[in-house]
C-alpha atoms as a PDB file:
ATOM      1  CA  MET A   1     -98.894  42.872  27.768  1.00  0.00           C
ATOM      2  CA  THR A   2     -99.533  43.098  31.487  1.00  0.00           C
ATOM      3  CA  THR A   3    -101.344  45.959  33.145  1.00  0.00           C
ATOM      4  CA  ARG A   4     -98.118  47.101  34.761  1.00  0.00           C
ATOM      5  CA  ARG A   5     -96.297  47.162  31.429  1.00  0.00           C
ATOM      6  CA  LYS A   6     -99.148  49.093  29.853  1.00  0.00           C
ATOM      7  CA  ALA A   7     -98.978  51.650  32.655  1.00  0.00           C
ATOM      8  CA  LEU A   8     -95.192  51.976  32.320  1.00  0.00           C
ATOM      9  CA  PHE A   9     -95.472  52.345  28.558  1.00  0.00           C
ATOM     10  CA  ALA A  10     -98.172  54.998  28.907  1.00  0.00           C
ATOM     11  CA  ALA A  11     -96.120  56.879  31.506  1.00  0.00           C
ATOM     12  CA  ALA A  12     -93.100  56.859  29.193  1.00  0.00           C
ATOM     13  CA  ALA A  13     -95.048  57.766  26.056  1.00  0.00           C
ATOM     14  CA  LEU A  14     -97.016  60.721  27.440  1.00  0.00           C
ATOM     15  CA  PRO A  15     -94.083  63.129  27.941  1.00  0.00           C
ATOM     16  CA  ALA A  16     -92.720  62.238  24.510  1.00  0.00           C
ATOM     17  CA  ALA A  17     -96.091  62.853  22.880  1.00  0.00           C
ATOM     18  CA  ALA A  18     -96.548  66.116  24.759  1.00  0.00           C
ATOM     19  CA  GLY A  19     -93.144  67.316  23.576  1.00  0.00           C
ATOM     20  CA  THR A  20     -94.093  66.893  19.932  1.00  0.00           C
ATOM     21  CA  ALA A  21     -97.210  69.056  20.218  1.00  0.00           C
ATOM     22  CA  SER A  22     -95.429  72.393  20.025  1.00  0.00           C
ATOM     23  CA  ALA A  23     -96.954  75.636  18.830  1.00  0.00           C
ATOM     24  CA  GLN A  24     -93.606  76.835  17.494  1.00  0.00           C
ATOM     25  CA  PRO A  25     -92.247  75.731  14.120  1.00  0.00           C
ATOM     26  CA  ALA A  26     -89.793  72.853  14.184  1.00  0.00           C
ATOM     27  CA  TRP A  27     -87.004  74.847  12.499  1.00  0.00           C
ATOM     28  CA  PRO A  28     -86.381  78.605  12.346  1.00  0.00           C
ATOM     29  CA  GLY A  29     -86.699  80.392   9.031  1.00  0.00           C
ATOM     30  CA  ALA A  30     -83.778  81.568   6.917  1.00  0.00           C
ATOM     31  CA  ASP A  31     -83.929  85.125   8.301  1.00  0.00           C
ATOM     32  CA  GLU A  32     -83.764  83.856  11.884  1.00  0.00           C
ATOM     33  CA  ILE A  33     -80.845  81.553  11.071  1.00  0.00           C
ATOM     34  CA  THR A  34     -78.999  84.440   9.404  1.00  0.00           C
ATOM     35  CA  ARG A  35     -79.626  86.646  12.457  1.00  0.00           C
ATOM     36  CA  ARG A  36     -78.365  83.957  14.841  1.00  0.00           C
ATOM     37  CA  VAL A  37     -75.242  83.296  12.769  1.00  0.00           C
ATOM     38  CA  ALA A  38     -74.446  87.027  12.722  1.00  0.00           C
ATOM     39  CA  GLU A  39     -74.975  87.239  16.494  1.00  0.00           C
ATOM     40  CA  VAL A  40     -72.644  84.304  17.184  1.00  0.00           C
ATOM     41  CA  ARG A  41     -70.026  85.598  14.739  1.00  0.00           C
ATOM     42  CA  SER A  42     -70.106  89.044  16.368  1.00  0.00           C
ATOM     43  CA  THR A  43     -69.778  87.584  19.866  1.00  0.00           C
ATOM     44  CA  GLU A  44     -66.907  85.292  18.894  1.00  0.00           C
ATOM     45  CA  THR A  45     -65.088  88.139  17.134  1.00  0.00           C
ATOM     46  CA  ALA A  46     -65.414  90.332  20.232  1.00  0.00           C
ATOM     47  CA  PHE A  47     -64.188  87.458  22.430  1.00  0.00           C
ATOM     48  CA  ALA A  48     -61.180  86.867  20.177  1.00  0.00           C
ATOM     49  CA  ALA A  49     -60.367  90.591  20.104  1.00  0.00           C
ATOM     50  CA  ALA A  50     -60.448  90.790  23.909  1.00  0.00           C
ATOM     51  CA  PHE A  51     -58.249  87.700  24.143  1.00  0.00           C
ATOM     52  CA  ALA A  52     -55.768  88.999  21.543  1.00  0.00           C
ATOM     53  CA  ALA A  53     -55.565  92.402  23.247  1.00  0.00           C
ATOM     54  CA  ARG A  54     -54.970  90.662  26.580  1.00  0.00           C
ATOM     55  CA  ASP A  55     -57.927  92.616  27.950  1.00  0.00           C
ATOM     56  CA  VAL A  56     -58.628  90.678  31.154  1.00  0.00           C
ATOM     57  CA  ALA A  57     -61.802  92.608  32.031  1.00  0.00           C
ATOM     58  CA  GLY A  58     -63.130  92.195  28.497  1.00  0.00           C
ATOM     59  CA  PHE A  59     -62.258  88.498  28.516  1.00  0.00           C
ATOM     60  CA  ARG A  60     -64.041  87.946  31.842  1.00  0.00           C
ATOM     61  CA  ARG A  61     -67.261  89.462  30.502  1.00  0.00           C
ATOM     62  CA  PHE A  62     -67.562  86.446  28.206  1.00  0.00           C
ATOM     63  CA  LEU A  63     -67.185  83.891  31.004  1.00  0.00           C
ATOM     64  CA  ALA A  64     -70.070  82.420  32.956  1.00  0.00           C
ATOM     65  CA  ALA A  65     -70.144  83.094  36.685  1.00  0.00           C
ATOM     66  CA  ASP A  66     -69.742  79.372  37.372  1.00  0.00           C
ATOM     67  CA  THR A  67     -66.743  78.814  35.059  1.00  0.00           C
ATOM     68  CA  VAL A  68     -64.355  76.176  36.411  1.00  0.00           C
ATOM     69  CA  TRP A  69     -60.756  76.022  35.185  1.00  0.00           C
ATOM     70  CA  MET A  70     -59.073  72.625  35.236  1.00  0.00           C
END
């Protein structure tokens, strides 16, 4: 392996190795997953209710400022 290839390999491997050394756990616990599922379900239910009621202002609150319609 040439010096240049070694340098390229090291440059590519360092960010990947740094990304694996995280202080946080790899996967959230069951309580956190349950909380996130409930949060998403609540948000989607509110979105669907605003859409079904044809509440334009309520519907727009769920859209990002940079939403693009095609």
